[in-house]
Amino acid sequence: MIDHLALQVADVDAAAAFYTRVFAACGVREFTRAEAPHGSVVGLCGPDGRPRLWLGPLTDPGTQAVHLALEAPTREAVDVAFAAAREAGVELLHAPRVWPEYHPGYYGAFFRDLDGNNVEAVHHTSG
């Protein structure tokens, strides 16, 4: 139900490369890039072609990290995203598994992005 989310990041190019590499199996790709007064702003989209994740330069140092969950089309895509995060060398929080405490069929993996945000790849099935 989120229309879009914007994250302030220390290095926009590195963050864009991280998200497009780690979430490639989920269809995430760079949609647009523009120059703003403080640096580049990148809009990433999923399979629907609408930019929903925006990455911009860090303008408010000391802000609290957020949790971001990106939907995966399959459980295998969650596994691929987690493997890509491991390959990227970021902190791994929770390996892919079913999380019945959220709801039956909730399959997710959690890790940190380059700026310390808690990022999740999640797939929802009926069971």
N, C-alpha and C. Protein backbone atom coordinates (compact mmCIF):
# COMPACT_ATOMS: atom_id res chain seq x y z
N MET A 1 0.80 -1.20 0.00
CA MET A 1 0.00 0.00 0.00
C MET A 1 0.84 1.26 0.00
N ILE A 2 2.14 1.12 0.10
CA ILE A 2 3.00 2.29 0.05
C ILE A 2 3.10 2.76 -1.40
N ASP A 3 2.87 4.04 -1.62
CA ASP A 3 3.01 4.58 -2.97
C ASP A 3 4.48 4.75 -3.32
N HIS A 4 5.24 5.34 -2.41
CA HIS A 4 6.67 5.45 -2.61
C HIS A 4 7.36 5.73 -1.28
N LEU A 5 8.66 5.52 -1.26
CA LEU A 5 9.47 5.75 -0.08
C LEU A 5 10.76 6.42 -0.55
N ALA A 6 11.19 7.43 0.17
CA ALA A 6 12.45 8.11 -0.14
C ALA A 6 13.42 7.89 1.01
N LEU A 7 14.63 7.49 0.68
CA LEU A 7 15.68 7.29 1.67
C LEU A 7 16.81 8.26 1.42
N GLN A 8 17.33 8.83 2.49
CA GLN A 8 18.55 9.61 2.40
C GLN A 8 19.71 8.64 2.59
N VAL A 9 20.66 8.70 1.68
CA VAL A 9 21.78 7.76 1.71
C VAL A 9 23.11 8.51 1.60
N ALA A 10 24.16 7.90 2.10
CA ALA A 10 25.48 8.53 2.09
C ALA A 10 26.05 8.60 0.68
N ASP A 11 25.77 7.59 -0.16
CA ASP A 11 26.31 7.54 -1.52
C ASP A 11 25.20 7.04 -2.44
N VAL A 12 24.58 7.96 -3.18
CA VAL A 12 23.43 7.62 -4.02
C VAL A 12 23.79 6.57 -5.06
N ASP A 13 24.93 6.71 -5.73
CA ASP A 13 25.33 5.75 -6.76
C ASP A 13 25.50 4.35 -6.16
N ALA A 14 26.18 4.26 -5.03
CA ALA A 14 26.40 2.97 -4.38
C ALA A 14 25.07 2.36 -3.92
N ALA A 15 24.18 3.18 -3.36
CA ALA A 15 22.88 2.67 -2.91
C ALA A 15 22.05 2.19 -4.08
N ALA A 16 22.04 2.94 -5.18
CA ALA A 16 21.28 2.53 -6.37
C ALA A 16 21.82 1.20 -6.91
N ALA A 17 23.13 1.07 -6.96
CA ALA A 17 23.73 -0.18 -7.43
C ALA A 17 23.38 -1.33 -6.50
N PHE A 18 23.41 -1.08 -5.18
CA PHE A 18 23.07 -2.12 -4.20
C PHE A 18 21.64 -2.60 -4.40
N TYR A 19 20.68 -1.69 -4.42
CA TYR A 19 19.27 -2.08 -4.52
C TYR A 19 18.96 -2.77 -5.85
N THR A 20 19.52 -2.28 -6.95
CA THR A 20 19.23 -2.92 -8.23
C THR A 20 19.89 -4.29 -8.35
N ARG A 21 21.05 -4.48 -7.72
CA ARG A 21 21.72 -5.78 -7.75
C ARG A 21 21.03 -6.76 -6.82
N VAL A 22 20.80 -6.36 -5.58
CA VAL A 22 20.24 -7.28 -4.59
C VAL A 22 18.79 -7.65 -4.92
N PHE A 23 18.01 -6.70 -5.43
CA PHE A 23 16.60 -6.96 -5.71
C PHE A 23 16.32 -7.16 -7.20
N ALA A 24 17.33 -7.52 -7.98
CA ALA A 24 17.12 -7.77 -9.41
C ALA A 24 16.09 -8.87 -9.63
N ALA A 25 16.11 -9.91 -8.81
CA ALA A 25 15.16 -11.02 -8.96
C ALA A 25 13.73 -10.59 -8.68
N CYS A 26 13.56 -9.43 -8.03
CA CYS A 26 12.24 -8.89 -7.74
C CYS A 26 11.81 -7.88 -8.81
N GLY A 27 12.63 -7.70 -9.83
CA GLY A 27 12.29 -6.79 -10.91
C GLY A 27 12.66 -5.34 -10.66
N VAL A 28 13.47 -5.06 -9.64
CA VAL A 28 13.84 -3.69 -9.32
C VAL A 28 14.91 -3.21 -10.29
N ARG A 29 14.68 -2.00 -10.84
CA ARG A 29 15.63 -1.41 -11.78
C ARG A 29 15.59 0.11 -11.63
N GLU A 30 16.63 0.76 -12.15
CA GLU A 30 16.65 2.22 -12.13
C GLU A 30 15.66 2.73 -13.17
N PHE A 31 14.79 3.64 -12.75
CA PHE A 31 13.78 4.22 -13.64
C PHE A 31 14.18 5.61 -14.10
N THR A 32 14.68 6.41 -13.17
CA THR A 32 15.04 7.78 -13.51
C THR A 32 16.16 8.27 -12.61
N ARG A 33 16.88 9.28 -13.09
CA ARG A 33 17.96 9.89 -12.33
C ARG A 33 17.95 11.37 -12.66
N ALA A 34 18.04 12.20 -11.63
CA ALA A 34 18.03 13.65 -11.85
C ALA A 34 19.00 14.31 -10.88
N GLU A 35 19.49 15.45 -11.28
CA GLU A 35 20.36 16.22 -10.40
C GLU A 35 19.52 17.20 -9.59
N ALA A 36 19.77 17.25 -8.30
CA ALA A 36 19.09 18.15 -7.38
C ALA A 36 20.16 19.04 -6.75
N PRO A 37 19.75 20.06 -5.99
CA PRO A 37 20.73 20.98 -5.40
C PRO A 37 21.81 20.29 -4.55
N HIS A 38 21.47 19.18 -3.88
CA HIS A 38 22.43 18.51 -2.99
C HIS A 38 23.07 17.29 -3.61
N GLY A 39 22.75 16.96 -4.88
CA GLY A 39 23.31 15.79 -5.53
C GLY A 39 22.26 15.02 -6.31
N SER A 40 22.63 13.85 -6.78
CA SER A 40 21.73 13.03 -7.59
C SER A 40 20.57 12.48 -6.77
N VAL A 41 19.43 12.34 -7.44
CA VAL A 41 18.26 11.65 -6.90
C VAL A 41 17.91 10.56 -7.90
N VAL A 42 17.74 9.33 -7.40
CA VAL A 42 17.46 8.19 -8.26
C VAL A 42 16.11 7.60 -7.87
N GLY A 43 15.29 7.34 -8.88
CA GLY A 43 14.01 6.66 -8.67
C GLY A 43 14.11 5.24 -9.18
N LEU A 44 13.83 4.27 -8.31
CA LEU A 44 13.84 2.86 -8.69
C LEU A 44 12.41 2.37 -8.82
N CYS A 45 12.19 1.48 -9.80
CA CYS A 45 10.86 0.93 -9.98
C CYS A 45 10.93 -0.59 -9.96
N GLY A 46 9.77 -1.20 -9.85
CA GLY A 46 9.63 -2.64 -9.93
C GLY A 46 9.01 -3.01 -11.26
N PRO A 47 8.44 -4.21 -11.33
CA PRO A 47 7.86 -4.67 -12.60
C PRO A 47 6.74 -3.79 -13.15
N ASP A 48 6.06 -3.03 -12.28
CA ASP A 48 4.97 -2.18 -12.76
C ASP A 48 5.46 -0.91 -13.45
N GLY A 49 6.77 -0.63 -13.38
CA GLY A 49 7.33 0.52 -14.05
C GLY A 49 7.08 1.86 -13.38
N ARG A 50 6.58 1.85 -12.15
CA ARG A 50 6.36 3.09 -11.40
C ARG A 50 7.45 3.26 -10.37
N PRO A 51 8.11 4.43 -10.34
CA PRO A 51 9.15 4.63 -9.33
C PRO A 51 8.53 4.71 -7.93
N ARG A 52 8.93 3.79 -7.09
CA ARG A 52 8.38 3.71 -5.73
C ARG A 52 9.43 3.87 -4.66
N LEU A 53 10.69 3.69 -5.01
CA LEU A 53 11.79 3.86 -4.06
C LEU A 53 12.72 4.93 -4.61
N TRP A 54 12.86 6.00 -3.83
CA TRP A 54 13.69 7.13 -4.23
C TRP A 54 14.90 7.21 -3.31
N LEU A 55 16.06 7.44 -3.90
CA LEU A 55 17.31 7.55 -3.15
C LEU A 55 17.88 8.94 -3.39
N GLY A 56 18.15 9.63 -2.30
CA GLY A 56 18.71 10.97 -2.41
C GLY A 56 19.85 11.16 -1.44
N PRO A 57 20.58 12.25 -1.59
CA PRO A 57 21.74 12.50 -0.73
C PRO A 57 21.34 12.73 0.72
N LEU A 58 22.24 12.37 1.60
CA LEU A 58 22.04 12.54 3.04
C LEU A 58 22.08 14.02 3.38
N THR A 59 20.92 14.56 3.77
CA THR A 59 20.85 15.97 4.14
C THR A 59 20.51 16.16 5.61
N ASP A 60 20.06 15.09 6.26
CA ASP A 60 19.73 15.15 7.69
C ASP A 60 20.55 14.10 8.44
N PRO A 61 21.84 14.34 8.66
CA PRO A 61 22.66 13.36 9.39
C PRO A 61 22.06 13.08 10.77
N GLY A 62 22.17 11.84 11.18
CA GLY A 62 21.67 11.46 12.50
C GLY A 62 20.22 11.00 12.50
N THR A 63 19.58 10.95 11.32
CA THR A 63 18.21 10.45 11.29
C THR A 63 18.20 8.96 11.55
N GLN A 64 17.11 8.46 12.03
CA GLN A 64 17.00 7.04 12.38
C GLN A 64 16.81 6.18 11.14
N ALA A 65 17.44 5.03 11.13
CA ALA A 65 17.27 4.08 10.03
C ALA A 65 15.82 3.61 9.97
N VAL A 66 15.39 3.20 8.80
CA VAL A 66 14.01 2.75 8.60
C VAL A 66 13.99 1.28 8.22
N HIS A 67 12.78 0.72 8.21
CA HIS A 67 12.57 -0.64 7.71
C HIS A 67 11.87 -0.52 6.37
N LEU A 68 12.40 -1.21 5.37
CA LEU A 68 11.85 -1.20 4.02
C LEU A 68 11.66 -2.64 3.57
N ALA A 69 10.45 -2.99 3.18
CA ALA A 69 10.18 -4.33 2.65
C ALA A 69 9.80 -4.20 1.18
N LEU A 70 10.51 -4.93 0.33
CA LEU A 70 10.20 -4.96 -1.08
C LEU A 70 9.61 -6.31 -1.43
N GLU A 71 8.50 -6.28 -2.16
CA GLU A 71 7.78 -7.51 -2.50
C GLU A 71 8.53 -8.29 -3.57
N ALA A 72 8.65 -9.59 -3.35
CA ALA A 72 9.29 -10.49 -4.30
C ALA A 72 8.21 -11.32 -5.00
N PRO A 73 8.38 -11.64 -6.27
CA PRO A 73 7.35 -12.39 -6.99
C PRO A 73 7.27 -13.86 -6.59
N THR A 74 8.36 -14.40 -6.02
CA THR A 74 8.41 -15.81 -5.62
C THR A 74 9.29 -15.95 -4.39
N ARG A 75 9.21 -17.10 -3.75
CA ARG A 75 10.12 -17.40 -2.64
C ARG A 75 11.56 -17.49 -3.15
N GLU A 76 11.72 -18.02 -4.35
CA GLU A 76 13.06 -18.13 -4.92
C GLU A 76 13.69 -16.75 -5.08
N ALA A 77 12.89 -15.75 -5.43
CA ALA A 77 13.41 -14.39 -5.57
C ALA A 77 13.89 -13.85 -4.22
N VAL A 78 13.20 -14.22 -3.13
CA VAL A 78 13.65 -13.84 -1.79
C VAL A 78 15.02 -14.46 -1.52
N ASP A 79 15.16 -15.73 -1.86
CA ASP A 79 16.43 -16.42 -1.66
C ASP A 79 17.55 -15.77 -2.48
N VAL A 80 17.25 -15.40 -3.71
CA VAL A 80 18.25 -14.76 -4.57
C VAL A 80 18.64 -13.40 -4.01
N ALA A 81 17.67 -12.63 -3.53
CA ALA A 81 17.96 -11.32 -2.94
C ALA A 81 18.86 -11.48 -1.71
N PHE A 82 18.56 -12.47 -0.88
CA PHE A 82 19.38 -12.69 0.32
C PHE A 82 20.81 -13.09 -0.07
N ALA A 83 20.94 -13.94 -1.08
CA ALA A 83 22.28 -14.35 -1.54
C ALA A 83 23.03 -13.14 -2.09
N ALA A 84 22.34 -12.27 -2.80
CA ALA A 84 22.99 -11.07 -3.34
C ALA A 84 23.41 -10.13 -2.22
N ALA A 85 22.60 -10.03 -1.16
CA ALA A 85 22.98 -9.21 -0.01
C ALA A 85 24.22 -9.78 0.67
N ARG A 86 24.24 -11.10 0.81
CA ARG A 86 25.43 -11.75 1.40
C ARG A 86 26.66 -11.45 0.55
N GLU A 87 26.51 -11.57 -0.77
CA GLU A 87 27.63 -11.29 -1.68
C GLU A 87 28.07 -9.83 -1.59
N ALA A 88 27.13 -8.93 -1.31
CA ALA A 88 27.46 -7.51 -1.18
C ALA A 88 28.19 -7.21 0.13
N GLY A 89 28.20 -8.18 1.05
CA GLY A 89 28.95 -8.02 2.29
C GLY A 89 28.25 -7.21 3.36
N VAL A 90 26.93 -7.04 3.25
CA VAL A 90 26.20 -6.28 4.26
C VAL A 90 25.83 -7.19 5.43
N GLU A 91 25.38 -6.59 6.53
CA GLU A 91 24.97 -7.35 7.70
C GLU A 91 23.69 -8.12 7.40
N LEU A 92 23.74 -9.42 7.63
CA LEU A 92 22.57 -10.28 7.42
C LEU A 92 21.84 -10.40 8.75
N LEU A 93 20.54 -10.11 8.75
CA LEU A 93 19.77 -10.12 9.98
C LEU A 93 19.01 -11.43 10.17
N HIS A 94 18.27 -11.88 9.15
CA HIS A 94 17.50 -13.13 9.24
C HIS A 94 17.48 -13.80 7.87
N ALA A 95 17.91 -15.06 7.83
CA ALA A 95 17.89 -15.83 6.59
C ALA A 95 16.44 -16.05 6.13
N PRO A 96 16.26 -16.36 4.86
CA PRO A 96 14.90 -16.59 4.35
C PRO A 96 14.21 -17.72 5.09
N ARG A 97 12.96 -17.44 5.47
CA ARG A 97 12.14 -18.47 6.12
C ARG A 97 10.69 -17.99 6.15
N VAL A 98 9.82 -18.90 6.51
CA VAL A 98 8.41 -18.56 6.72
C VAL A 98 8.29 -17.91 8.10
N TRP A 99 7.52 -16.83 8.16
CA TRP A 99 7.28 -16.10 9.41
C TRP A 99 5.79 -16.22 9.75
N PRO A 100 5.35 -17.34 10.34
CA PRO A 100 3.93 -17.55 10.61
C PRO A 100 3.36 -16.55 11.62
N GLU A 101 4.22 -15.92 12.41
CA GLU A 101 3.74 -14.93 13.37
C GLU A 101 3.20 -13.68 12.66
N TYR A 102 3.60 -13.47 11.40
CA TYR A 102 3.07 -12.34 10.62
C TYR A 102 1.77 -12.76 9.94
N HIS A 103 1.81 -13.84 9.18
CA HIS A 103 0.62 -14.51 8.64
C HIS A 103 1.08 -15.76 7.90
N PRO A 104 0.21 -16.74 7.73
CA PRO A 104 0.60 -17.94 6.99
C PRO A 104 1.06 -17.56 5.57
N GLY A 105 2.14 -18.15 5.14
CA GLY A 105 2.64 -17.87 3.80
C GLY A 105 3.52 -16.65 3.68
N TYR A 106 3.88 -16.02 4.82
CA TYR A 106 4.77 -14.86 4.81
C TYR A 106 6.20 -15.40 4.79
N TYR A 107 6.90 -15.20 3.68
CA TYR A 107 8.26 -15.70 3.51
C TYR A 107 9.18 -14.51 3.29
N GLY A 108 10.13 -14.32 4.20
CA GLY A 108 10.96 -13.14 4.11
C GLY A 108 12.38 -13.36 4.57
N ALA A 109 13.24 -12.43 4.15
CA ALA A 109 14.64 -12.39 4.57
C ALA A 109 14.99 -10.95 4.88
N PHE A 110 15.81 -10.73 5.90
CA PHE A 110 16.13 -9.39 6.38
C PHE A 110 17.64 -9.16 6.40
N PHE A 111 18.05 -7.96 6.02
CA PHE A 111 19.46 -7.58 6.04
C PHE A 111 19.54 -6.06 6.06
N ARG A 112 20.74 -5.54 6.28
CA ARG A 112 20.96 -4.09 6.28
C ARG A 112 21.40 -3.64 4.89
N ASP A 113 21.02 -2.44 4.52
CA ASP A 113 21.57 -1.86 3.30
C ASP A 113 22.87 -1.14 3.64
N LEU A 114 23.43 -0.44 2.69
CA LEU A 114 24.72 0.21 2.90
C LEU A 114 24.69 1.32 3.94
N ASP A 115 23.48 1.85 4.24
CA ASP A 115 23.34 2.93 5.21
C ASP A 115 22.75 2.46 6.54
N GLY A 116 22.64 1.13 6.73
CA GLY A 116 22.17 0.58 8.00
C GLY A 116 20.68 0.41 8.11
N ASN A 117 19.92 0.67 7.04
CA ASN A 117 18.48 0.45 7.08
C ASN A 117 18.18 -1.04 7.10
N ASN A 118 17.13 -1.42 7.80
CA ASN A 118 16.67 -2.80 7.86
C ASN A 118 15.82 -3.06 6.62
N VAL A 119 16.35 -3.84 5.69
CA VAL A 119 15.70 -4.10 4.42
C VAL A 119 15.23 -5.55 4.37
N GLU A 120 14.08 -5.75 3.76
CA GLU A 120 13.48 -7.09 3.69
C GLU A 120 13.03 -7.37 2.26
N ALA A 121 13.24 -8.62 1.84
CA ALA A 121 12.61 -9.15 0.64
C ALA A 121 11.52 -10.08 1.14
N VAL A 122 10.29 -9.90 0.66
CA VAL A 122 9.16 -10.69 1.17
C VAL A 122 8.27 -11.17 0.03
N HIS A 123 7.80 -12.42 0.19
CA HIS A 123 6.82 -12.99 -0.73
C HIS A 123 5.63 -13.48 0.10
N HIS A 124 4.44 -13.18 -0.37
CA HIS A 124 3.21 -13.58 0.32
C HIS A 124 2.49 -14.66 -0.48
N THR A 125 2.19 -15.77 0.20
CA THR A 125 1.35 -16.82 -0.41
C THR A 125 0.25 -17.13 0.57
N SER A 126 -0.70 -17.95 0.15
CA SER A 126 -1.79 -18.31 1.05
C SER A 126 -1.40 -19.39 2.03
N GLY A 127 -0.21 -19.94 1.91
CA GLY A 127 0.20 -20.94 2.87
C GLY A 127 1.33 -21.73 2.44
